[in-house]
Protein backbone atom coordinates (compact mmCIF):
# COMPACT_ATOMS: atom_id res chain seq x y z
CA MET A 1 -53.09 172.90 83.28
CA SER A 2 -50.16 171.90 81.58
CA LEU A 3 -49.69 168.95 78.98
CA LYS A 4 -47.18 167.29 80.94
CA ARG A 5 -49.43 167.89 84.59
CA ARG A 6 -53.08 166.38 83.80
CA PRO A 7 -51.99 162.90 82.17
CA ILE A 8 -50.76 162.09 85.04
CA LEU A 9 -54.00 162.48 87.42
CA LEU A 10 -55.58 160.29 84.62
CA ALA A 11 -52.95 157.89 85.02
CA LEU A 12 -53.20 157.45 88.83
CA SER A 13 -56.95 157.56 88.36
CA ILE A 14 -56.53 153.83 87.00
CA VAL A 15 -53.92 152.92 89.56
CA LEU A 16 -56.06 154.05 92.64
CA GLY A 17 -59.10 151.62 91.38
CA THR A 18 -61.18 153.93 90.92
CA ALA A 19 -62.10 153.68 87.24
CA PRO A 20 -61.02 149.70 87.01
CA VAL A 21 -63.06 149.73 83.15
CA LEU A 22 -65.25 152.41 81.48
CA ALA A 23 -68.06 150.42 79.87
CA TRP A 24 -68.00 151.60 76.25
CA ALA A 25 -64.68 153.72 76.14
CA SER A 26 -63.58 155.59 73.14
CA THR A 27 -60.38 153.49 73.10
CA PRO A 28 -59.78 149.78 73.21
CA PHE A 29 -61.22 147.83 76.19
CA LEU A 30 -57.47 146.92 77.26
CA ASN A 31 -56.89 150.09 77.61
CA ARG A 32 -54.09 149.83 80.75
CA ASP A 33 -50.70 151.30 81.62
CA THR A 34 -48.99 148.09 80.78
CA LEU A 35 -49.40 144.66 78.23
CA LEU A 36 -49.97 141.99 79.97
CA PRO A 37 -48.84 138.17 78.91
CA THR A 38 -51.53 135.66 78.55
CA ALA A 39 -52.80 134.65 82.09
CA PRO A 40 -52.27 131.21 83.46
CA VAL A 41 -55.27 129.09 82.89
CA ILE A 42 -56.89 127.68 86.48
CA ALA A 43 -56.67 124.21 86.92
CA PRO A 44 -59.42 121.95 86.40
CA GLY A 45 -61.83 121.68 89.27
CA THR A 46 -60.94 124.74 90.43
CA THR A 47 -63.91 126.40 92.70
CA THR A 48 -64.60 129.57 93.94
CA HIS A 49 -66.78 129.32 97.40
CA THR A 50 -68.50 132.46 98.08
CA TYR A 51 -72.20 133.30 99.01
CA SER A 52 -74.17 136.54 98.62
CA GLU A 53 -76.04 138.14 101.30
CA ASN A 54 -79.05 135.94 100.88
CA SER A 55 -77.52 132.47 100.27
CA ALA A 56 -78.43 129.80 102.48
CA LYS A 57 -75.07 129.04 102.80
CA ALA A 58 -73.39 132.40 103.62
CA PRO A 59 -71.80 132.37 107.27
CA THR A 60 -74.52 133.51 109.87
CA ALA A 61 -72.20 135.95 111.09
CA ALA A 62 -69.33 137.71 110.04
CA PRO A 63 -66.07 135.97 109.17
CA LEU A 64 -64.03 138.50 111.21
CA PRO A 65 -60.57 137.76 111.27
CA GLU A 66 -58.77 137.32 114.47
CA ASN A 67 -56.09 140.00 114.88
CA THR A 68 -58.94 142.68 114.28
CA GLN A 69 -58.12 144.28 117.46
CA ASN A 70 -54.71 145.30 116.34
CA LEU A 71 -56.54 147.15 113.26
CA ASP A 72 -58.47 150.23 113.16
CA LYS A 73 -62.69 150.56 112.76
CA VAL A 74 -63.80 147.43 110.12
CA VAL A 75 -66.78 149.15 107.84
CA ALA A 76 -67.03 146.37 105.74
CA VAL A 77 -66.10 142.16 105.32
CA VAL A 78 -65.60 140.68 102.03
CA ASN A 79 -65.79 137.19 102.03
CA ASP A 80 -62.65 136.57 104.45
CA ASN A 81 -61.11 139.84 104.33
CA ILE A 82 -62.08 143.31 105.67
CA ILE A 83 -62.05 146.81 105.04
CA THR A 84 -61.29 149.06 107.64
CA SER A 85 -61.97 152.67 107.95
CA MET A 86 -58.33 154.17 107.17
CA GLN A 87 -58.09 151.88 103.95
CA LEU A 88 -61.69 153.69 103.20
CA GLU A 89 -60.87 157.61 104.18
CA GLN A 90 -57.76 157.07 102.10
CA ARG A 91 -59.16 155.98 98.89
CA VAL A 92 -62.08 159.08 99.55
CA ILE A 93 -59.26 161.10 100.22
CA ALA A 94 -57.89 160.45 96.70
CA VAL A 95 -60.96 160.79 94.94
CA ARG A 96 -61.99 163.71 96.53
CA ALA A 97 -58.77 165.36 95.00
CA ARG A 98 -58.95 163.77 91.70
CA LEU A 99 -62.90 165.14 91.33
CA GLN A 100 -61.56 168.55 92.47
CA THR A 101 -59.23 168.80 89.53
CA GLN A 102 -60.87 166.81 86.93
CA ASP A 103 -64.54 167.97 87.31
CA PRO A 104 -65.60 169.67 91.00
CA ASN A 105 -69.29 169.90 89.90
CA ALA A 106 -69.46 166.05 89.91
CA MET A 107 -68.75 166.34 93.84
CA PRO A 108 -71.48 164.36 95.35
CA PRO A 109 -72.25 164.97 98.83
CA GLU A 110 -70.01 163.78 101.28
CA ASP A 111 -72.01 160.50 102.72
CA ILE A 112 -72.60 159.26 99.18
CA LEU A 113 -69.05 159.43 98.02
CA ARG A 114 -67.74 157.10 100.53
CA ARG A 115 -70.68 154.79 100.10
CA GLN A 116 -69.64 155.21 95.81
CA VAL A 117 -66.08 154.50 96.77
CA LEU A 118 -66.95 151.84 99.51
CA GLN A 119 -68.79 149.96 96.56
CA GLN A 120 -65.80 150.21 94.54
CA MET A 121 -63.33 148.80 96.62
CA ILE A 122 -65.45 145.90 97.53
CA LEU A 123 -65.59 145.13 93.74
CA GLN A 124 -61.92 145.12 93.34
CA ASP A 125 -61.51 143.02 96.83
CA ILE A 126 -63.73 140.43 95.01
CA GLU A 127 -61.68 140.32 91.98
CA LEU A 128 -58.36 140.23 93.54
CA GLN A 129 -59.67 137.42 95.97
CA ILE A 130 -60.52 135.71 92.45
CA ALA A 131 -57.09 136.31 90.82
CA HIS A 132 -55.35 135.12 94.23
CA ARG A 133 -57.12 131.87 94.19
CA ALA A 134 -56.48 131.41 90.30
CA GLY A 135 -52.78 131.26 91.26
CA ILE A 136 -52.44 134.35 88.84
CA LYS A 137 -49.14 136.47 89.78
CA VAL A 138 -47.35 139.57 88.98
CA ASP A 139 -43.83 139.18 88.78
CA LYS A 140 -41.11 142.04 89.14
CA GLY A 141 -40.52 142.33 85.78
CA THR A 142 -44.09 143.05 84.99
CA LEU A 143 -44.01 145.65 87.86
CA ASP A 144 -41.35 147.36 86.52
CA GLN A 145 -42.39 147.77 82.88
CA ALA A 146 -45.37 148.84 84.27
CA ILE A 147 -44.05 151.45 85.95
CA SER A 148 -41.87 152.56 82.88
CA ASN A 149 -44.43 152.55 80.61
CA LEU A 150 -46.74 154.72 83.33
CA ALA A 151 -44.18 157.50 83.50
CA GLN A 152 -43.09 157.33 79.82
CA ALA A 153 -47.08 158.27 79.39
CA ASN A 154 -46.84 160.97 81.68
CA HIS A 155 -43.87 162.48 80.06
CA LEU A 156 -41.70 161.52 83.05
CA SER A 157 -38.50 159.38 83.81
CA SER A 158 -39.46 157.00 86.93
CA ASP A 159 -37.87 159.47 89.57
CA GLN A 160 -39.65 162.19 88.51
CA LEU A 161 -42.91 159.97 89.22
CA ARG A 162 -41.64 159.13 92.30
CA GLN A 163 -41.43 163.16 93.00
CA ALA A 164 -44.97 163.59 91.41
CA LEU A 165 -46.58 161.03 93.71
CA ALA A 166 -44.91 162.46 96.86
CA ASN A 167 -45.98 165.94 95.76
CA GLN A 168 -49.52 164.34 95.95
CA GLY A 169 -48.85 162.44 99.05
CA GLN A 170 -48.92 158.98 97.99
CA SER A 171 -46.17 156.64 99.13
CA TRP A 172 -44.04 154.74 96.56
CA GLU A 173 -44.90 151.40 98.21
CA SER A 174 -48.80 152.35 98.31
CA PHE A 175 -48.39 153.16 94.66
CA THR A 176 -46.63 149.90 93.43
CA ASN A 177 -48.96 147.71 95.51
CA ASP A 178 -51.91 149.18 93.79
CA LEU A 179 -50.49 148.88 90.57
CA ARG A 180 -49.90 145.39 91.05
CA ASP A 181 -53.15 144.55 92.33
CA ARG A 182 -54.57 146.50 89.36
CA ILE A 183 -52.52 144.02 86.59
CA LEU A 184 -53.82 141.21 88.80
CA VAL A 185 -57.43 142.09 88.21
CA ASP A 186 -56.52 142.99 84.10
CA ARG A 187 -55.36 139.41 83.91
CA LEU A 188 -58.34 137.83 85.56
CA MET A 189 -60.63 139.90 83.60
CA GLN A 190 -58.64 138.56 80.40
CA GLN A 191 -58.72 135.30 81.49
CA GLU A 192 -62.50 135.14 82.26
CA VAL A 193 -63.86 137.37 79.92
CA GLU A 194 -61.73 138.84 77.24
CA ASN A 195 -60.46 135.00 76.19
CA ARG A 196 -63.73 133.80 75.92
CA VAL A 197 -64.78 136.41 73.42
CA HIS A 198 -64.63 134.19 70.13
CA ILE A 199 -66.58 136.39 66.81
CA GLY A 200 -67.13 134.00 63.46
CA PRO A 201 -66.32 135.35 60.55
CA ASP A 202 -70.26 135.59 59.62
CA GLU A 203 -70.78 138.31 62.56
CA VAL A 204 -67.53 140.39 61.64
CA LYS A 205 -68.78 140.31 57.81
CA THR A 206 -72.40 141.54 58.88
CA PHE A 207 -70.76 143.90 61.29
CA ALA A 208 -68.26 145.28 58.95
CA GLN A 209 -71.62 146.37 56.37
CA GLN A 210 -72.76 148.01 59.29
CA LEU A 211 -69.74 150.14 60.04
CA LYS A 212 -69.58 150.70 56.15
CA GLU A 213 -72.91 152.49 56.96
CA MET A 214 -72.07 154.07 60.16
CA GLY A 215 -68.87 155.83 58.84
CA GLY A 216 -66.95 157.51 61.08
CA VAL A 217 -69.39 158.89 63.58
CA SER A 218 -68.29 159.13 67.05
CA PHE A 219 -70.30 160.36 70.27
CA ASP A 220 -68.56 162.52 72.89
CA LEU A 221 -71.04 161.10 76.07
CA GLN A 222 -72.07 160.83 79.77
CA GLN A 223 -74.16 158.19 81.51
CA ILE A 224 -76.07 157.38 84.31
CA PHE A 225 -76.36 153.54 84.97
CA ILE A 226 -79.36 152.25 87.35
CA PRO A 227 -78.38 148.58 87.45
CA LEU A 228 -80.96 145.05 87.52
CA PRO A 229 -80.49 142.93 90.38
CA GLY A 230 -79.33 139.44 89.75
CA ASN A 231 -82.31 137.25 88.08
CA PRO A 232 -84.86 139.89 88.43
CA THR A 233 -88.23 139.31 88.30
CA PRO A 234 -90.43 141.19 86.48
CA ASP A 235 -91.70 143.45 89.27
CA ALA A 236 -87.85 144.24 89.91
CA VAL A 237 -87.47 145.05 86.11
CA SER A 238 -90.18 147.58 86.22
CA ALA A 239 -89.00 149.45 90.00
CA VAL A 240 -85.93 149.66 88.55
CA ARG A 241 -86.83 150.83 85.16
CA ARG A 242 -89.23 153.58 87.37
CA GLU A 243 -86.04 154.76 89.40
CA ALA A 244 -84.16 155.18 86.02
CA GLU A 245 -87.36 157.42 84.71
CA GLN A 246 -87.27 159.33 88.09
CA THR A 247 -83.63 160.35 87.55
CA ARG A 248 -83.96 160.85 83.72
CA GLU A 249 -86.63 163.39 85.34
CA ARG A 250 -84.21 165.02 87.52
CA VAL A 251 -82.01 165.57 85.11
CA VAL A 252 -84.51 167.18 82.55
CA ALA A 253 -85.84 168.99 85.50
CA GLY A 254 -82.55 170.97 85.86
CA GLU A 255 -80.05 169.14 88.25
CA ARG A 256 -76.45 168.62 87.24
CA PHE A 257 -76.17 165.39 85.15
CA SER A 258 -72.52 164.83 86.43
CA ARG A 259 -73.27 165.89 90.23
CA LEU A 260 -76.09 163.00 89.64
CA ALA A 261 -74.20 160.38 87.81
CA ALA A 262 -71.83 160.53 90.36
CA GLN A 263 -74.46 160.05 93.14
CA VAL A 264 -76.79 157.42 91.72
CA SER A 265 -75.21 155.73 89.02
CA SER A 266 -73.47 152.28 89.24
CA GLY A 267 -71.28 152.63 86.39
CA HIS A 268 -67.26 152.65 86.32
CA ASP A 269 -67.44 155.98 85.35
CA ALA A 270 -69.93 157.06 88.29
CA LEU A 271 -66.97 159.13 90.11
CA GLN A 272 -65.60 160.87 87.14
CA GLY A 273 -69.43 161.79 86.55
CA GLY A 274 -70.24 159.65 84.14
CA ARG A 275 -67.87 161.05 81.77
CA LEU A 276 -67.30 158.23 79.06
CA GLY A 277 -65.09 160.60 76.31
CA TRP A 278 -65.77 160.20 72.88
CA VAL A 279 -66.79 156.51 71.68
CA LYS A 280 -67.19 155.05 68.61
CA ALA A 281 -70.71 154.42 67.04
CA GLY A 282 -69.80 150.66 66.03
CA GLU A 283 -68.69 149.92 69.50
CA LEU A 284 -71.79 150.83 71.05
CA PRO A 285 -74.98 148.38 70.99
CA PRO A 286 -77.08 149.30 67.65
CA ALA A 287 -79.96 150.70 70.21
CA VAL A 288 -77.71 153.03 71.60
CA THR A 289 -76.52 153.93 68.35
CA GLN A 290 -80.27 154.76 67.01
CA THR A 291 -81.21 156.29 70.01
CA LEU A 292 -78.00 158.99 70.01
CA LEU A 293 -78.20 159.97 66.26
CA GLN A 294 -81.96 161.21 66.73
CA LEU A 295 -80.02 163.58 69.69
CA LYS A 296 -78.58 167.00 68.95
CA ALA A 297 -75.66 168.20 71.41
CA GLY A 298 -76.40 168.87 75.15
CA GLU A 299 -79.82 166.33 74.80
CA ILE A 300 -80.44 163.91 76.93
CA SER A 301 -81.61 160.65 75.85
CA PRO A 302 -84.28 158.28 76.99
CA VAL A 303 -83.63 155.61 79.48
CA ILE A 304 -82.67 152.91 77.37
CA PRO A 305 -82.50 149.22 78.62
CA GLY A 306 -79.48 146.84 78.45
CA PRO A 307 -78.43 143.67 79.56
CA THR A 308 -77.77 144.34 83.04
CA GLY A 309 -79.53 147.18 83.52
CA PHE A 310 -80.79 150.89 82.56
CA HIS A 311 -78.67 154.06 81.13
CA ILE A 312 -79.12 157.29 80.51
CA PHE A 313 -76.59 159.16 78.16
CA LYS A 314 -76.23 162.68 77.48
CA LEU A 315 -74.48 163.57 74.23
CA LEU A 316 -71.98 166.03 74.91
CA ASP A 317 -71.05 166.43 71.17
CA VAL A 318 -70.73 164.00 68.17
CA LYS A 319 -68.64 163.75 65.03
CA HIS A 320 -69.18 162.60 61.30
CA ALA A 321 -65.58 162.02 59.94
CA GLN A 322 -64.26 159.83 57.52
CA PRO A 323 -63.58 156.43 59.31
CA THR A 324 -60.17 155.70 60.29
CA VAL A 325 -58.02 153.59 61.68
CA THR A 326 -55.20 153.17 64.07
CA GLU A 327 -51.77 152.41 62.38
CA VAL A 328 -49.00 151.64 64.84
CA LYS A 329 -45.15 152.26 63.91
CA ALA A 330 -43.68 149.57 66.01
CA ALA A 331 -40.57 147.52 66.70
CA MET A 332 -40.44 143.95 68.08
CA ILE A 333 -37.99 141.20 69.78
CA VAL A 334 -39.12 137.71 69.03
CA LEU A 335 -37.84 134.75 70.93
CA ARG A 336 -38.76 131.32 69.27
CA ALA A 337 -39.83 128.41 71.63
CA GLY A 338 -40.78 125.26 69.96
CA ASN A 339 -41.22 123.14 73.18
CA ASN A 340 -41.56 123.46 77.15
CA LEU A 341 -38.21 123.61 77.30
CA GLN A 342 -37.57 126.38 74.83
CA LEU A 343 -40.82 127.83 76.53
CA GLN A 344 -38.69 128.17 80.00
CA GLU A 345 -36.00 129.60 78.18
CA ALA A 346 -37.14 131.95 76.30
CA ALA A 347 -39.04 133.51 79.33
CA ALA A 348 -36.09 133.57 81.26
CA ARG A 349 -34.44 135.29 78.54
CA ALA A 350 -37.21 138.02 78.10
CA GLN A 351 -36.87 138.79 81.64
CA ASP A 352 -33.35 139.87 80.69
CA ILE A 353 -34.57 141.91 77.96
CA GLN A 354 -36.73 143.80 79.99
CA GLN A 355 -34.45 144.43 83.15
CA ALA A 356 -31.81 145.29 80.54
CA LEU A 357 -34.18 147.71 78.76
CA GLN A 358 -35.09 149.06 82.50
CA SER A 359 -31.41 150.05 83.11
CA GLY A 360 -31.45 152.01 79.56
CA THR A 361 -30.40 149.48 76.63
CA ARG A 362 -31.63 150.60 73.65
CA PHE A 363 -35.00 148.28 72.15
CA SER A 364 -32.76 148.36 68.94
CA GLU A 365 -29.78 147.23 70.46
CA LEU A 366 -31.62 143.97 72.24
CA ALA A 367 -33.43 143.36 69.04
CA ARG A 368 -30.13 143.04 67.35
CA LYS A 369 -28.39 140.75 69.84
CA TYR A 370 -31.47 138.60 70.55
CA SER A 371 -34.49 138.69 68.48
CA GLN A 372 -34.82 135.22 66.43
CA GLU A 373 -37.00 137.07 63.48
CA PRO A 374 -34.38 137.53 61.07
CA ARG A 375 -36.36 140.20 58.73
CA THR A 376 -36.33 142.58 61.68
CA ALA A 377 -33.68 141.65 63.93
CA ALA A 378 -31.06 143.31 61.36
CA ARG A 379 -32.96 146.28 61.26
CA GLY A 380 -33.12 146.98 65.25
CA GLY A 381 -36.63 145.05 65.09
CA GLU A 382 -38.21 147.36 63.26
CA MET A 383 -41.56 146.72 61.47
CA GLY A 384 -42.51 150.13 60.14
CA TRP A 385 -45.95 151.09 60.27
CA VAL A 386 -48.61 148.47 61.36
CA ALA A 387 -51.92 148.44 59.82
CA PRO A 388 -55.13 146.51 61.41
CA GLY A 389 -55.05 142.71 60.20
CA GLN A 390 -51.49 142.41 59.85
CA LEU A 391 -50.39 140.95 63.22
CA PRO A 392 -52.39 138.00 65.15
CA ASP A 393 -55.26 139.85 67.32
CA SER A 394 -53.28 138.88 70.77
CA LEU A 395 -50.34 141.16 69.14
CA GLU A 396 -52.69 143.78 67.73
CA ARG A 397 -54.63 144.48 70.58
CA SER A 398 -51.53 144.69 72.78
CA LEU A 399 -49.87 146.53 70.36
CA VAL A 400 -52.38 149.40 70.16
CA THR A 401 -52.95 150.03 73.90
CA LEU A 402 -49.30 150.91 74.07
CA GLN A 403 -48.22 155.00 74.59
CA PRO A 404 -46.21 156.00 72.09
CA GLY A 405 -42.39 154.79 73.48
CA GLY A 406 -43.97 152.12 75.48
CA VAL A 407 -42.38 148.45 75.31
CA SER A 408 -45.34 145.53 76.45
CA SER A 409 -44.34 142.58 79.14
CA PRO A 410 -43.75 139.00 77.22
CA ILE A 411 -46.83 138.32 75.36
CA ARG A 412 -47.18 134.44 74.24
CA GLU A 413 -48.67 133.92 70.90
CA GLY A 414 -48.14 130.31 69.21
CA ASP A 415 -44.62 128.95 69.67
CA ALA A 416 -42.98 132.49 70.57
CA ILE A 417 -42.50 135.18 73.10
CA TYR A 418 -42.93 138.76 71.52
CA ILE A 419 -41.77 142.15 72.98
CA LEU A 420 -43.62 144.74 71.50
CA HIS A 421 -42.47 148.86 71.10
CA SER A 422 -44.85 151.44 70.18
CA GLN A 423 -42.87 154.45 68.70
CA ALA A 424 -45.81 156.41 66.99
CA GLN A 425 -49.09 156.59 65.88
CA ARG A 426 -51.50 157.76 63.68
CA GLN A 427 -55.01 157.78 62.14
CA GLN A 428 -55.33 156.95 58.80
CA PRO A 429 -58.57 156.48 56.07
CA VAL A 430 -59.87 153.17 56.56
CA LYS A 431 -59.42 151.33 53.39
CA GLU A 432 -61.42 148.30 51.91
CA LYS A 433 -58.81 145.65 52.77
CA GLN A 434 -59.07 147.14 56.43
CA ILE A 435 -62.66 147.18 57.06
CA MET A 436 -62.65 143.46 58.18
CA ALA A 437 -59.87 143.96 61.12
CA ALA A 438 -61.35 147.06 62.22
CA ALA A 439 -64.98 145.62 62.35
CA ARG A 440 -63.41 142.67 64.14
CA MET A 441 -61.91 144.75 66.51
CA GLN A 442 -64.74 147.47 67.22
CA LEU A 443 -67.25 143.90 67.49
CA TYR A 444 -64.73 142.01 69.69
CA ASN A 445 -64.70 145.74 72.51
CA ARG A 446 -68.70 146.09 72.27
CA ILE A 447 -69.18 142.46 73.49
CA VAL A 448 -66.03 142.56 76.12
CA HIS A 449 -68.10 145.49 77.73
CA GLU A 450 -71.32 143.75 77.86
CA ARG A 451 -69.66 140.52 79.06
CA MET A 452 -67.72 142.53 81.78
CA ASP A 453 -70.39 143.99 83.34
CA GLU A 454 -71.93 140.29 83.80
CA TRP A 455 -69.43 139.23 84.84
CA GLN A 456 -68.61 141.64 87.46
CA ARG A 457 -72.53 141.38 88.38
CA ARG A 458 -72.10 137.97 88.35
CA ILE A 459 -69.21 137.83 90.94
CA ARG A 460 -70.40 140.68 93.17
CA ASP A 461 -73.46 138.59 93.71
CA SER A 462 -72.02 135.73 94.97
CA ALA A 463 -69.89 136.68 96.96
CA TYR A 464 -69.91 137.41 101.11
CA VAL A 465 -70.30 141.07 101.72
CA GLU A 466 -71.41 142.63 105.33
CA ILE A 467 -71.65 146.32 105.57
CA LEU A 468 -71.13 147.08 108.85
CA GLU A 469 -71.67 150.92 109.07
CA SER A 470 -75.91 151.84 108.57
CA ASP A 471 -74.71 154.87 106.65
CA LEU A 472 -72.46 153.30 104.18
CA ARG A 473 -75.25 150.80 103.16
CA GLY A 474 -77.39 152.57 100.90
CA ASN A 475 -79.11 150.27 98.49
CA ASP A 476 -77.44 147.07 100.12
CA ALA A 477 -79.05 147.43 103.37
């Protein structure tokens, strides 16, 4: 497969919602096809009225909408929404096509594939419902910029992206709706998890010392994740551990790891055969890192307990390299906003700039015309090579997630709105003064991953979910 064809399959798997978040991914957590401005804050007193199937407050009958007679068969009810068999089959077809391309050996039996896909759809539906109740929206400018960034990431024009989607059997309307949903969920996660992670200087200092000792160790991993139920009893923990141990025994006995991961894992990576890719040692929990350091390539880890369940890893490869950090050659447009009126004006100007960029106007031309940062505006917004620690955390996290050539959506930081342009990336040896910034980023990623799992389990447990087809229930029966 050529380099120009493979990325679009990977990018579209994100859009389709088959892998919304990869636990312990090799890149920073904010690994998105677009960058997102700060999500709106939920008004005080806002509540989410959802119930688990075992809740005494849950309705006794599935709250089916009145217009179901005009729909195809309903396979699941999620709070006040439904998932139809047509929606499920469309998603199954997309996932099956991607698995056939990426790893045919990971293809599970059809009944298991449908159950796994349905579970992912249920979680995504719950997330979207919460996002809508929170008033989170995606404007046209943000969506257009996301499409532009996705096209650039796949070395395509917008027209070529449309054609590539058509060739894969996906309509443009379906694609843009999926992408809008993905951005909504990303903004929700930013609000509910990412923005609530606060790391003290002592934590960073301690972790920076550990980072020096670990050096540039990275692992290429697959995982199988067996989750714990909410508020588990000691007996429930023991039962889940036994299930994890039995799963590991099946792998050791010769069953293919990727296929078993697709069948039994509850990780977001399950339908990728459990593939996590390259993960920096510093972004893994210490217990996991210490275990993996004792393995050779191709070996299977023992069952490792985590805060939300049990993990089994397959170590595909390990790298011991000089520690590096990502530097980005970047440009920016800065719009100052000292009060609410100026903020509204700056936000409107930012939308105008986005539309001009999408029409083909050069970033440098717009920076010279509109940017209110004198030091860079005269140079067309050029910042040169930006190293970790040179920008506020929110801007730095956004910049490193952009593909070279990509432009961010407007980002509010302090009394200004920023639009960032990534021109190139390079890996540079870590300098002593960058250790703290690198440690802060990796520690942030680790904590976000752990809290994301906990948050998703919590919202799943609090929702009213009824699966109407018995062969789709699996462990939910």
